[in-house]
Amino acid sequence: MTEKDEMLSELDKVLPKYSSEQFSTLVPKGMLGLSDSQIQTVQFAFWFCYTLEKDLADVLQEAVSKTKVILGKTEPETYEYMRKEYGIKFEVVDEDHPKYDPYSIVFNDRIEIVEKIRGKDNFTEFLRKVKEIRNDLSHGRILELSYEGKSLFEDATKATLLRDLIANSIGFPERGEGGALEDQSPEDRARVDALWKEFEKKNNAKD
């Protein structure tokens, strides 16, 4: 038996006995040598970015679903409408593209869609700052995690990040500068508002 075979044989005996806690710290603590504090910060950053991206995806998907109902279109037709109406030309929302897949939109695509529809504002600026944290996580720059120039390993920075999320979420309904919503004519806004109210009325009647 070779040295490699002996090592693998030993691993086959040891690894099945590991607990969930041992597995969770094996890579960060055993292989990367991170401290408990560093591991906790990475977990915080990961779940923060994951939650924000998921929430943003849900918001956009809900917007598509409601637009589909209001316009009386199929989902591909709705994406095509958004592409033409708002100038969104991502291949993931183009039903004619061979790699068409509306559910594979990446975080940056979602941010750009929000900017094209709402315009640039504090919320989209905040999203891009979070994207930098996400990029550092994805590319292994763990020890460089920061927000607003301050280390994310400081609890005060984590608190600021959470506070800014809440502050920007509260202000989300406000329209930013530029974007398709700002370019709408008064007539178009009135038409969309009327369709929206009709949709809400029917939806509430079902409840």
N, C-alpha and C. Protein backbone atom coordinates (compact mmCIF):
# COMPACT_ATOMS: atom_id res chain seq x y z
N MET A 1 0.84 -1.20 0.00
CA MET A 1 0.00 0.00 0.00
C MET A 1 0.88 1.25 0.00
N THR A 2 0.57 2.19 -0.90
CA THR A 2 1.37 3.41 -1.00
C THR A 2 1.03 4.35 0.15
N GLU A 3 1.88 5.38 0.29
CA GLU A 3 1.66 6.37 1.34
C GLU A 3 0.34 7.09 1.13
N LYS A 4 0.01 7.36 -0.12
CA LYS A 4 -1.26 8.02 -0.45
C LYS A 4 -2.44 7.14 -0.05
N ASP A 5 -2.34 5.84 -0.36
CA ASP A 5 -3.42 4.91 -0.02
C ASP A 5 -3.61 4.83 1.49
N GLU A 6 -2.50 4.83 2.23
CA GLU A 6 -2.58 4.76 3.68
C GLU A 6 -3.25 6.01 4.25
N MET A 7 -2.91 7.17 3.68
CA MET A 7 -3.51 8.44 4.13
C MET A 7 -5.01 8.45 3.87
N LEU A 8 -5.41 8.01 2.67
CA LEU A 8 -6.82 7.99 2.33
C LEU A 8 -7.58 6.98 3.18
N SER A 9 -6.94 5.86 3.49
CA SER A 9 -7.56 4.85 4.33
C SER A 9 -7.81 5.39 5.73
N GLU A 10 -6.85 6.17 6.24
CA GLU A 10 -6.98 6.76 7.57
C GLU A 10 -8.10 7.80 7.57
N LEU A 11 -8.18 8.59 6.49
CA LEU A 11 -9.24 9.60 6.38
C LEU A 11 -10.61 8.95 6.35
N ASP A 12 -10.70 7.79 5.68
CA ASP A 12 -11.97 7.07 5.60
C ASP A 12 -12.44 6.62 6.97
N LYS A 13 -11.50 6.44 7.89
CA LYS A 13 -11.84 6.02 9.25
C LYS A 13 -12.19 7.21 10.13
N VAL A 14 -11.48 8.32 9.92
CA VAL A 14 -11.62 9.48 10.80
C VAL A 14 -12.78 10.40 10.42
N LEU A 15 -12.88 10.76 9.14
CA LEU A 15 -13.87 11.77 8.71
C LEU A 15 -15.31 11.42 9.05
N PRO A 16 -15.75 10.16 8.91
CA PRO A 16 -17.14 9.84 9.26
C PRO A 16 -17.47 10.09 10.73
N LYS A 17 -16.44 10.22 11.57
CA LYS A 17 -16.66 10.43 13.00
C LYS A 17 -16.74 11.92 13.36
N TYR A 18 -16.47 12.80 12.38
CA TYR A 18 -16.49 14.23 12.65
C TYR A 18 -17.91 14.70 12.93
N SER A 19 -18.03 15.65 13.85
CA SER A 19 -19.33 16.25 14.15
C SER A 19 -19.57 17.42 13.19
N SER A 20 -20.79 17.92 13.19
CA SER A 20 -21.12 19.07 12.33
C SER A 20 -20.26 20.27 12.70
N GLU A 21 -20.00 20.45 13.99
CA GLU A 21 -19.17 21.57 14.44
C GLU A 21 -17.74 21.42 13.94
N GLN A 22 -17.22 20.22 13.97
CA GLN A 22 -15.85 19.99 13.48
C GLN A 22 -15.75 20.25 11.98
N PHE A 23 -16.76 19.83 11.23
CA PHE A 23 -16.75 20.07 9.79
C PHE A 23 -16.83 21.57 9.49
N SER A 24 -17.63 22.30 10.29
CA SER A 24 -17.83 23.73 10.02
C SER A 24 -16.57 24.55 10.24
N THR A 25 -15.66 24.06 11.09
CA THR A 25 -14.43 24.81 11.37
C THR A 25 -13.20 24.18 10.72
N LEU A 26 -13.37 23.03 10.07
CA LEU A 26 -12.23 22.33 9.50
C LEU A 26 -11.46 23.19 8.49
N VAL A 27 -12.19 23.79 7.55
CA VAL A 27 -11.51 24.60 6.51
C VAL A 27 -11.02 25.95 7.06
N PRO A 28 -11.92 26.77 7.66
CA PRO A 28 -11.45 28.08 8.11
C PRO A 28 -10.41 28.03 9.22
N LYS A 29 -10.59 27.13 10.18
CA LYS A 29 -9.66 27.09 11.31
C LYS A 29 -8.50 26.13 11.05
N GLY A 30 -8.81 24.92 10.55
CA GLY A 30 -7.76 23.92 10.36
C GLY A 30 -6.88 24.17 9.15
N MET A 31 -7.50 24.62 8.03
CA MET A 31 -6.72 24.81 6.80
C MET A 31 -6.26 26.25 6.59
N LEU A 32 -7.11 27.22 7.00
CA LEU A 32 -6.77 28.62 6.77
C LEU A 32 -6.21 29.31 8.01
N GLY A 33 -6.36 28.68 9.16
CA GLY A 33 -5.81 29.25 10.39
C GLY A 33 -6.51 30.50 10.87
N LEU A 34 -7.80 30.65 10.55
CA LEU A 34 -8.54 31.83 10.98
C LEU A 34 -8.96 31.71 12.44
N SER A 35 -9.05 32.84 13.11
CA SER A 35 -9.49 32.85 14.50
C SER A 35 -11.01 32.75 14.56
N ASP A 36 -11.54 32.50 15.76
CA ASP A 36 -13.00 32.42 15.91
C ASP A 36 -13.66 33.73 15.50
N SER A 37 -13.04 34.86 15.86
CA SER A 37 -13.57 36.17 15.52
C SER A 37 -13.60 36.38 14.02
N GLN A 38 -12.56 35.96 13.33
CA GLN A 38 -12.52 36.09 11.87
C GLN A 38 -13.57 35.21 11.20
N ILE A 39 -13.72 34.01 11.71
CA ILE A 39 -14.72 33.09 11.16
C ILE A 39 -16.12 33.67 11.33
N GLN A 40 -16.39 34.24 12.49
CA GLN A 40 -17.71 34.82 12.76
C GLN A 40 -17.99 36.01 11.84
N THR A 41 -16.96 36.81 11.56
CA THR A 41 -17.14 37.96 10.68
C THR A 41 -17.41 37.52 9.25
N VAL A 42 -16.70 36.49 8.80
CA VAL A 42 -16.93 35.96 7.45
C VAL A 42 -18.35 35.42 7.35
N GLN A 43 -18.81 34.72 8.39
CA GLN A 43 -20.17 34.19 8.39
C GLN A 43 -21.19 35.33 8.34
N PHE A 44 -20.94 36.38 9.12
CA PHE A 44 -21.83 37.55 9.12
C PHE A 44 -21.90 38.16 7.73
N ALA A 45 -20.73 38.37 7.10
CA ALA A 45 -20.67 39.00 5.78
C ALA A 45 -21.37 38.13 4.73
N PHE A 46 -21.11 36.83 4.80
CA PHE A 46 -21.73 35.92 3.82
C PHE A 46 -23.24 35.95 3.92
N TRP A 47 -23.77 35.78 5.12
CA TRP A 47 -25.22 35.71 5.28
C TRP A 47 -25.88 37.05 5.02
N PHE A 48 -25.16 38.15 5.32
CA PHE A 48 -25.70 39.48 5.02
C PHE A 48 -25.87 39.65 3.52
N CYS A 49 -24.80 39.35 2.77
CA CYS A 49 -24.85 39.48 1.31
C CYS A 49 -25.87 38.52 0.70
N TYR A 50 -25.91 37.31 1.22
CA TYR A 50 -26.86 36.30 0.71
C TYR A 50 -28.30 36.78 0.90
N THR A 51 -28.60 37.28 2.10
CA THR A 51 -29.95 37.72 2.42
C THR A 51 -30.36 38.91 1.55
N LEU A 52 -29.44 39.89 1.40
CA LEU A 52 -29.75 41.06 0.60
C LEU A 52 -29.97 40.69 -0.86
N GLU A 53 -29.13 39.81 -1.39
CA GLU A 53 -29.28 39.40 -2.78
C GLU A 53 -30.58 38.62 -2.99
N LYS A 54 -30.91 37.76 -2.03
CA LYS A 54 -32.15 36.99 -2.12
C LYS A 54 -33.37 37.92 -2.06
N ASP A 55 -33.33 38.89 -1.14
CA ASP A 55 -34.44 39.83 -1.01
C ASP A 55 -34.61 40.64 -2.29
N LEU A 56 -33.48 41.07 -2.87
CA LEU A 56 -33.54 41.85 -4.10
C LEU A 56 -34.08 41.01 -5.25
N ALA A 57 -33.68 39.75 -5.28
CA ALA A 57 -34.19 38.84 -6.32
C ALA A 57 -35.69 38.65 -6.16
N ASP A 58 -36.14 38.50 -4.91
CA ASP A 58 -37.57 38.32 -4.66
C ASP A 58 -38.37 39.56 -5.06
N VAL A 59 -37.80 40.75 -4.77
CA VAL A 59 -38.47 42.00 -5.12
C VAL A 59 -38.63 42.12 -6.63
N LEU A 60 -37.56 41.83 -7.37
CA LEU A 60 -37.62 41.92 -8.82
C LEU A 60 -38.55 40.86 -9.41
N GLN A 61 -38.53 39.66 -8.82
CA GLN A 61 -39.41 38.61 -9.32
C GLN A 61 -40.87 38.95 -9.07
N GLU A 62 -41.13 39.55 -7.90
CA GLU A 62 -42.50 39.97 -7.60
C GLU A 62 -42.94 41.08 -8.55
N ALA A 63 -42.00 41.99 -8.86
CA ALA A 63 -42.32 43.08 -9.79
C ALA A 63 -42.67 42.52 -11.16
N VAL A 64 -41.90 41.49 -11.59
CA VAL A 64 -42.17 40.87 -12.88
C VAL A 64 -43.53 40.18 -12.86
N SER A 65 -43.82 39.47 -11.76
CA SER A 65 -45.09 38.76 -11.65
C SER A 65 -46.28 39.71 -11.70
N LYS A 66 -46.17 40.83 -10.98
CA LYS A 66 -47.27 41.80 -10.97
C LYS A 66 -47.40 42.48 -12.32
N THR A 67 -46.24 42.79 -12.95
CA THR A 67 -46.28 43.40 -14.27
C THR A 67 -46.92 42.45 -15.27
N LYS A 68 -46.63 41.18 -15.13
CA LYS A 68 -47.20 40.16 -16.02
C LYS A 68 -48.72 40.14 -15.91
N VAL A 69 -49.21 40.22 -14.67
CA VAL A 69 -50.66 40.22 -14.46
C VAL A 69 -51.30 41.49 -15.01
N ILE A 70 -50.67 42.64 -14.71
CA ILE A 70 -51.21 43.92 -15.16
C ILE A 70 -51.28 44.00 -16.68
N LEU A 71 -50.21 43.53 -17.34
CA LEU A 71 -50.14 43.64 -18.79
C LEU A 71 -50.85 42.49 -19.50
N GLY A 72 -51.15 41.44 -18.75
CA GLY A 72 -51.78 40.28 -19.36
C GLY A 72 -50.83 39.55 -20.29
N LYS A 73 -49.54 39.49 -19.91
CA LYS A 73 -48.53 38.85 -20.76
C LYS A 73 -47.97 37.61 -20.09
N THR A 74 -47.32 36.75 -20.88
CA THR A 74 -46.61 35.61 -20.32
C THR A 74 -45.31 36.13 -19.71
N GLU A 75 -44.61 35.27 -18.94
CA GLU A 75 -43.36 35.72 -18.32
C GLU A 75 -42.31 36.12 -19.36
N PRO A 76 -42.07 35.31 -20.41
CA PRO A 76 -41.10 35.74 -21.43
C PRO A 76 -41.50 37.05 -22.09
N GLU A 77 -42.81 37.24 -22.32
CA GLU A 77 -43.28 38.49 -22.92
C GLU A 77 -43.05 39.67 -21.98
N THR A 78 -43.19 39.40 -20.68
CA THR A 78 -42.97 40.46 -19.70
C THR A 78 -41.51 40.87 -19.67
N TYR A 79 -40.60 39.88 -19.72
CA TYR A 79 -39.17 40.21 -19.75
C TYR A 79 -38.83 40.97 -21.03
N GLU A 80 -39.46 40.57 -22.13
CA GLU A 80 -39.22 41.26 -23.39
C GLU A 80 -39.72 42.70 -23.31
N TYR A 81 -40.86 42.89 -22.66
CA TYR A 81 -41.41 44.23 -22.47
C TYR A 81 -40.44 45.08 -21.63
N MET A 82 -39.92 44.50 -20.54
CA MET A 82 -38.98 45.23 -19.69
C MET A 82 -37.71 45.57 -20.45
N ARG A 83 -37.29 44.65 -21.33
CA ARG A 83 -36.08 44.88 -22.10
C ARG A 83 -36.26 46.06 -23.05
N LYS A 84 -37.43 46.12 -23.69
CA LYS A 84 -37.69 47.20 -24.65
C LYS A 84 -38.05 48.51 -23.95
N GLU A 85 -38.88 48.40 -22.90
CA GLU A 85 -39.38 49.60 -22.21
C GLU A 85 -38.28 50.30 -21.43
N TYR A 86 -37.43 49.49 -20.75
CA TYR A 86 -36.42 50.07 -19.88
C TYR A 86 -35.00 50.01 -20.45
N GLY A 87 -34.86 49.41 -21.63
CA GLY A 87 -33.54 49.33 -22.23
C GLY A 87 -32.62 48.33 -21.56
N ILE A 88 -33.19 47.33 -20.91
CA ILE A 88 -32.39 46.29 -20.26
C ILE A 88 -32.02 45.25 -21.31
N LYS A 89 -30.75 45.12 -21.61
CA LYS A 89 -30.34 44.25 -22.71
C LYS A 89 -29.50 43.05 -22.25
N PHE A 90 -29.66 42.64 -21.01
CA PHE A 90 -28.90 41.49 -20.53
C PHE A 90 -29.38 40.22 -21.25
N GLU A 91 -28.44 39.36 -21.56
CA GLU A 91 -28.81 38.14 -22.28
C GLU A 91 -29.74 37.25 -21.46
N VAL A 92 -29.71 37.41 -20.12
CA VAL A 92 -30.56 36.57 -19.28
C VAL A 92 -32.02 36.98 -19.35
N VAL A 93 -32.31 38.16 -19.88
CA VAL A 93 -33.71 38.55 -20.00
C VAL A 93 -34.15 38.63 -21.46
N ASP A 94 -33.31 38.13 -22.34
CA ASP A 94 -33.62 38.13 -23.76
C ASP A 94 -34.03 36.71 -24.16
N GLU A 95 -35.33 36.50 -24.40
CA GLU A 95 -35.83 35.16 -24.67
C GLU A 95 -35.27 34.57 -25.97
N ASP A 96 -34.75 35.42 -26.87
CA ASP A 96 -34.20 34.92 -28.12
C ASP A 96 -32.74 34.48 -27.99
N HIS A 97 -32.13 34.80 -26.86
CA HIS A 97 -30.73 34.42 -26.67
C HIS A 97 -30.65 32.94 -26.32
N PRO A 98 -29.68 32.21 -26.89
CA PRO A 98 -29.57 30.76 -26.62
C PRO A 98 -29.34 30.43 -25.15
N LYS A 99 -28.79 31.38 -24.37
CA LYS A 99 -28.54 31.12 -22.95
C LYS A 99 -29.59 31.82 -22.08
N TYR A 100 -30.75 32.08 -22.66
CA TYR A 100 -31.81 32.77 -21.93
C TYR A 100 -32.18 32.03 -20.65
N ASP A 101 -32.10 32.71 -19.53
CA ASP A 101 -32.48 32.13 -18.24
C ASP A 101 -32.72 33.27 -17.26
N PRO A 102 -33.96 33.73 -17.11
CA PRO A 102 -34.24 34.88 -16.25
C PRO A 102 -33.90 34.64 -14.79
N TYR A 103 -33.74 33.38 -14.38
CA TYR A 103 -33.46 33.10 -12.98
C TYR A 103 -31.96 33.06 -12.67
N SER A 104 -31.12 33.30 -13.69
CA SER A 104 -29.68 33.25 -13.46
C SER A 104 -29.07 34.64 -13.40
N ILE A 105 -29.90 35.67 -13.23
CA ILE A 105 -29.39 37.04 -13.16
C ILE A 105 -28.48 37.18 -11.94
N VAL A 106 -27.27 37.69 -12.17
CA VAL A 106 -26.31 37.85 -11.08
C VAL A 106 -26.59 39.15 -10.32
N PHE A 107 -25.93 39.31 -9.18
CA PHE A 107 -26.17 40.44 -8.31
C PHE A 107 -26.00 41.78 -9.04
N ASN A 108 -24.93 41.90 -9.82
CA ASN A 108 -24.68 43.15 -10.54
C ASN A 108 -25.79 43.44 -11.55
N ASP A 109 -26.30 42.40 -12.20
CA ASP A 109 -27.41 42.57 -13.15
C ASP A 109 -28.63 43.13 -12.43
N ARG A 110 -28.90 42.59 -11.25
CA ARG A 110 -30.06 43.05 -10.49
C ARG A 110 -29.93 44.53 -10.12
N ILE A 111 -28.71 44.91 -9.72
CA ILE A 111 -28.48 46.30 -9.36
C ILE A 111 -28.71 47.20 -10.58
N GLU A 112 -28.20 46.77 -11.73
CA GLU A 112 -28.35 47.58 -12.93
C GLU A 112 -29.81 47.68 -13.37
N ILE A 113 -30.56 46.61 -13.17
CA ILE A 113 -31.99 46.65 -13.51
C ILE A 113 -32.70 47.67 -12.62
N VAL A 114 -32.38 47.66 -11.33
CA VAL A 114 -32.99 48.61 -10.40
C VAL A 114 -32.61 50.03 -10.82
N GLU A 115 -31.35 50.25 -11.19
CA GLU A 115 -30.90 51.59 -11.60
C GLU A 115 -31.61 52.04 -12.88
N LYS A 116 -31.80 51.12 -13.83
CA LYS A 116 -32.43 51.50 -15.09
C LYS A 116 -33.90 51.85 -14.88
N ILE A 117 -34.55 51.19 -13.93
CA ILE A 117 -35.96 51.45 -13.70
C ILE A 117 -36.17 52.63 -12.74
N ARG A 118 -35.42 52.62 -11.63
CA ARG A 118 -35.61 53.64 -10.59
C ARG A 118 -34.69 54.84 -10.73
N GLY A 119 -33.53 54.65 -11.36
CA GLY A 119 -32.52 55.69 -11.38
C GLY A 119 -31.53 55.45 -10.25
N LYS A 120 -30.42 56.20 -10.26
CA LYS A 120 -29.39 56.05 -9.22
C LYS A 120 -29.80 56.84 -7.98
N ASP A 121 -29.73 56.18 -6.83
CA ASP A 121 -30.06 56.83 -5.57
C ASP A 121 -29.25 56.21 -4.45
N ASN A 122 -29.57 56.56 -3.22
CA ASN A 122 -28.82 56.05 -2.08
C ASN A 122 -28.90 54.53 -1.98
N PHE A 123 -30.06 53.98 -2.38
CA PHE A 123 -30.23 52.53 -2.27
C PHE A 123 -29.32 51.79 -3.24
N THR A 124 -29.26 52.23 -4.50
CA THR A 124 -28.39 51.55 -5.47
C THR A 124 -26.92 51.77 -5.13
N GLU A 125 -26.61 52.94 -4.56
CA GLU A 125 -25.23 53.20 -4.13
C GLU A 125 -24.85 52.23 -3.00
N PHE A 126 -25.80 51.99 -2.10
CA PHE A 126 -25.58 51.05 -1.00
C PHE A 126 -25.38 49.63 -1.53
N LEU A 127 -26.19 49.25 -2.53
CA LEU A 127 -26.07 47.92 -3.12
C LEU A 127 -24.68 47.70 -3.72
N ARG A 128 -24.12 48.72 -4.33
CA ARG A 128 -22.80 48.58 -4.94
C ARG A 128 -21.71 48.46 -3.87
N LYS A 129 -21.90 49.09 -2.73
CA LYS A 129 -20.96 48.94 -1.63
C LYS A 129 -21.00 47.50 -1.09
N VAL A 130 -22.20 46.96 -1.01
CA VAL A 130 -22.34 45.57 -0.55
C VAL A 130 -21.74 44.63 -1.58
N LYS A 131 -21.85 44.99 -2.86
CA LYS A 131 -21.26 44.17 -3.92
C LYS A 131 -19.74 44.06 -3.74
N GLU A 132 -19.09 45.12 -3.25
CA GLU A 132 -17.65 45.09 -2.99
C GLU A 132 -17.33 44.08 -1.89
N ILE A 133 -18.17 44.03 -0.87
CA ILE A 133 -17.99 43.04 0.21
C ILE A 133 -18.16 41.64 -0.36
N ARG A 134 -19.17 41.48 -1.19
CA ARG A 134 -19.45 40.18 -1.82
C ARG A 134 -18.27 39.75 -2.68
N ASN A 135 -17.69 40.69 -3.42
CA ASN A 135 -16.55 40.37 -4.28
C ASN A 135 -15.34 39.95 -3.45
N ASP A 136 -15.11 40.63 -2.32
CA ASP A 136 -13.98 40.26 -1.46
C ASP A 136 -14.16 38.84 -0.92
N LEU A 137 -15.40 38.50 -0.56
CA LEU A 137 -15.68 37.14 -0.09
C LEU A 137 -15.43 36.12 -1.19
N SER A 138 -15.93 36.42 -2.38
CA SER A 138 -15.84 35.48 -3.50
C SER A 138 -14.40 35.25 -3.97
N HIS A 139 -13.56 36.28 -3.84
CA HIS A 139 -12.20 36.17 -4.36
C HIS A 139 -11.15 35.98 -3.27
N GLY A 140 -11.60 35.57 -2.09
CA GLY A 140 -10.66 35.19 -1.05
C GLY A 140 -9.99 36.32 -0.30
N ARG A 141 -10.48 37.54 -0.47
CA ARG A 141 -9.88 38.68 0.24
C ARG A 141 -10.56 38.84 1.60
N ILE A 142 -10.52 37.78 2.37
CA ILE A 142 -11.24 37.73 3.64
C ILE A 142 -10.76 38.79 4.63
N LEU A 143 -9.44 38.92 4.76
CA LEU A 143 -8.89 39.83 5.75
C LEU A 143 -9.05 41.29 5.33
N GLU A 144 -9.51 41.54 4.12
CA GLU A 144 -9.70 42.91 3.64
C GLU A 144 -11.15 43.36 3.72
N LEU A 145 -12.02 42.53 4.27
CA LEU A 145 -13.43 42.87 4.35
C LEU A 145 -13.61 44.21 5.07
N SER A 146 -14.34 45.13 4.42
CA SER A 146 -14.53 46.45 5.01
C SER A 146 -15.82 47.07 4.48
N TYR A 147 -16.23 48.14 5.15
CA TYR A 147 -17.40 48.91 4.71
C TYR A 147 -17.14 50.36 5.05
N GLU A 148 -17.29 51.23 4.07
CA GLU A 148 -17.02 52.66 4.23
C GLU A 148 -15.60 52.90 4.75
N GLY A 149 -14.66 52.08 4.26
CA GLY A 149 -13.26 52.27 4.63
C GLY A 149 -12.89 51.74 6.00
N LYS A 150 -13.83 51.11 6.70
CA LYS A 150 -13.55 50.59 8.04
C LYS A 150 -13.69 49.06 8.04
N SER A 151 -12.81 48.40 8.80
CA SER A 151 -12.76 46.95 8.83
C SER A 151 -14.08 46.36 9.31
N LEU A 152 -14.53 45.33 8.60
CA LEU A 152 -15.77 44.66 8.98
C LEU A 152 -15.56 43.74 10.18
N PHE A 153 -14.32 43.61 10.60
CA PHE A 153 -14.03 42.80 11.79
C PHE A 153 -14.36 43.57 13.06
N GLU A 154 -14.66 44.85 12.92
CA GLU A 154 -15.08 45.66 14.06
C GLU A 154 -16.60 45.60 14.18
N ASP A 155 -17.09 45.33 15.37
CA ASP A 155 -18.54 45.22 15.57
C ASP A 155 -19.26 46.52 15.23
N ALA A 156 -18.60 47.65 15.46
CA ALA A 156 -19.21 48.95 15.15
C ALA A 156 -19.47 49.07 13.65
N THR A 157 -18.58 48.49 12.82
CA THR A 157 -18.77 48.54 11.37
C THR A 157 -19.94 47.66 10.96
N LYS A 158 -20.06 46.50 11.59
CA LYS A 158 -21.20 45.62 11.32
C LYS A 158 -22.51 46.34 11.64
N ALA A 159 -22.52 47.06 12.79
CA ALA A 159 -23.72 47.78 13.21
C ALA A 159 -24.07 48.88 12.19
N THR A 160 -23.05 49.57 11.68
CA THR A 160 -23.28 50.62 10.68
C THR A 160 -23.85 50.04 9.40
N LEU A 161 -23.33 48.89 9.00
CA LEU A 161 -23.81 48.22 7.79
C LEU A 161 -25.29 47.86 7.91
N LEU A 162 -25.66 47.30 9.04
CA LEU A 162 -27.06 46.92 9.28
C LEU A 162 -27.96 48.15 9.35
N ARG A 163 -27.47 49.20 10.00
CA ARG A 163 -28.26 50.43 10.10
C ARG A 163 -28.50 51.04 8.72
N ASP A 164 -27.47 51.02 7.88
CA ASP A 164 -27.61 51.58 6.53
C ASP A 164 -28.56 50.74 5.68
N LEU A 165 -28.55 49.43 5.89
CA LEU A 165 -29.49 48.57 5.17
C LEU A 165 -30.92 48.97 5.51
N ILE A 166 -31.20 49.12 6.79
CA ILE A 166 -32.55 49.47 7.24
C ILE A 166 -32.94 50.86 6.73
N ALA A 167 -32.01 51.82 6.83
CA ALA A 167 -32.28 53.19 6.39
C ALA A 167 -32.59 53.24 4.90
N ASN A 168 -31.83 52.49 4.10
CA ASN A 168 -32.05 52.50 2.66
C ASN A 168 -33.27 51.70 2.25
N SER A 169 -33.60 50.69 3.02
CA SER A 169 -34.81 49.90 2.72
C SER A 169 -36.06 50.73 2.98
N ILE A 170 -36.01 51.54 4.03
CA ILE A 170 -37.15 52.41 4.35
C ILE A 170 -37.36 53.43 3.23
N GLY A 171 -36.27 53.90 2.64
CA GLY A 171 -36.37 54.91 1.60
C GLY A 171 -36.51 54.35 0.21
N PHE A 172 -36.64 53.03 0.09
CA PHE A 172 -36.65 52.39 -1.22
C PHE A 172 -37.77 52.88 -2.14
N PRO A 173 -38.99 53.16 -1.64
CA PRO A 173 -40.06 53.58 -2.56
C PRO A 173 -39.78 54.90 -3.28
N GLU A 174 -38.87 55.74 -2.73
CA GLU A 174 -38.57 57.01 -3.36
C GLU A 174 -37.79 56.78 -4.66
N ARG A 175 -38.13 57.53 -5.69
CA ARG A 175 -37.48 57.37 -6.98
C ARG A 175 -36.17 58.15 -7.02
N GLY A 176 -35.16 57.55 -7.66
CA GLY A 176 -33.89 58.23 -7.81
C GLY A 176 -33.86 59.10 -9.06
N GLU A 177 -32.67 59.61 -9.37
CA GLU A 177 -32.52 60.47 -10.54
C GLU A 177 -32.21 59.61 -11.76
N GLY A 178 -32.88 59.93 -12.88
CA GLY A 178 -32.70 59.14 -14.08
C GLY A 178 -33.56 57.89 -14.02
N GLY A 179 -33.40 57.01 -14.97
CA GLY A 179 -34.18 55.78 -14.95
C GLY A 179 -35.51 55.93 -15.66
N ALA A 180 -36.10 54.81 -15.97
CA ALA A 180 -37.33 54.78 -16.78
C ALA A 180 -38.51 55.43 -16.08
N LEU A 181 -38.59 55.28 -14.75
CA LEU A 181 -39.74 55.84 -14.04
C LEU A 181 -39.77 57.36 -14.14
N GLU A 182 -38.60 57.98 -14.07
CA GLU A 182 -38.53 59.44 -14.15
C GLU A 182 -38.88 59.93 -15.56
N ASP A 183 -38.59 59.09 -16.56
CA ASP A 183 -38.82 59.48 -17.96
C ASP A 183 -40.26 59.31 -18.39
N GLN A 184 -41.08 58.69 -17.56
CA GLN A 184 -42.46 58.47 -17.95
C GLN A 184 -43.22 59.80 -18.06
N SER A 185 -44.07 59.88 -19.04
CA SER A 185 -44.91 61.07 -19.20
C SER A 185 -46.03 61.01 -18.15
N PRO A 186 -46.65 62.15 -17.85
CA PRO A 186 -47.76 62.16 -16.89
C PRO A 186 -48.88 61.20 -17.31
N GLU A 187 -49.10 61.10 -18.62
CA GLU A 187 -50.15 60.21 -19.13
C GLU A 187 -49.80 58.74 -18.85
N ASP A 188 -48.51 58.39 -19.09
CA ASP A 188 -48.08 57.01 -18.85
C ASP A 188 -48.16 56.66 -17.37
N ARG A 189 -47.76 57.62 -16.53
CA ARG A 189 -47.81 57.38 -15.09
C ARG A 189 -49.26 57.15 -14.64
N ALA A 190 -50.17 57.96 -15.18
CA ALA A 190 -51.59 57.83 -14.83
C ALA A 190 -52.13 56.48 -15.30
N ARG A 191 -51.71 56.06 -16.49
CA ARG A 191 -52.17 54.78 -17.04
C ARG A 191 -51.66 53.63 -16.17
N VAL A 192 -50.38 53.66 -15.82
CA VAL A 192 -49.79 52.60 -15.00
C VAL A 192 -50.41 52.58 -13.61
N ASP A 193 -50.63 53.77 -13.03
CA ASP A 193 -51.25 53.85 -11.71
C ASP A 193 -52.66 53.26 -11.72
N ALA A 194 -53.39 53.52 -12.81
CA ALA A 194 -54.76 52.99 -12.93
C ALA A 194 -54.75 51.47 -13.03
N LEU A 195 -53.81 50.94 -13.83
CA LEU A 195 -53.68 49.48 -13.95
C LEU A 195 -53.29 48.86 -12.62
N TRP A 196 -52.39 49.55 -11.92
CA TRP A 196 -51.91 49.03 -10.64
C TRP A 196 -53.06 48.98 -9.62
N LYS A 197 -53.86 50.05 -9.56
CA LYS A 197 -54.97 50.09 -8.61
C LYS A 197 -55.99 49.00 -8.93
N GLU A 198 -56.21 48.77 -10.22
CA GLU A 198 -57.15 47.73 -10.63
C GLU A 198 -56.63 46.35 -10.23
N PHE A 199 -55.32 46.16 -10.41
CA PHE A 199 -54.70 44.89 -10.02
C PHE A 199 -54.81 44.67 -8.51
N GLU A 200 -54.51 45.73 -7.73
CA GLU A 200 -54.58 45.63 -6.27
C GLU A 200 -56.01 45.36 -5.81
N LYS A 201 -56.97 45.99 -6.48
CA LYS A 201 -58.38 45.79 -6.13
C LYS A 201 -58.80 44.35 -6.32
N LYS A 202 -58.42 43.77 -7.48
CA LYS A 202 -58.75 42.36 -7.76
C LYS A 202 -58.03 41.43 -6.81
N ASN A 203 -56.78 41.76 -6.53
CA ASN A 203 -55.96 40.91 -5.66
C ASN A 203 -56.51 40.89 -4.25
N ASN A 204 -56.91 42.06 -3.74
CA ASN A 204 -57.47 42.17 -2.38
C ASN A 204 -58.83 41.48 -2.30
N ALA A 205 -59.58 41.49 -3.42
CA ALA A 205 -60.90 40.85 -3.43
C ALA A 205 -60.76 39.34 -3.25
N LYS A 206 -59.66 38.78 -3.78
CA LYS A 206 -59.43 37.35 -3.66
C LYS A 206 -59.12 36.96 -2.23
N ASP A 207 -58.48 37.88 -1.48
CA ASP A 207 -58.14 37.62 -0.08
C ASP A 207 -59.37 37.67 0.82
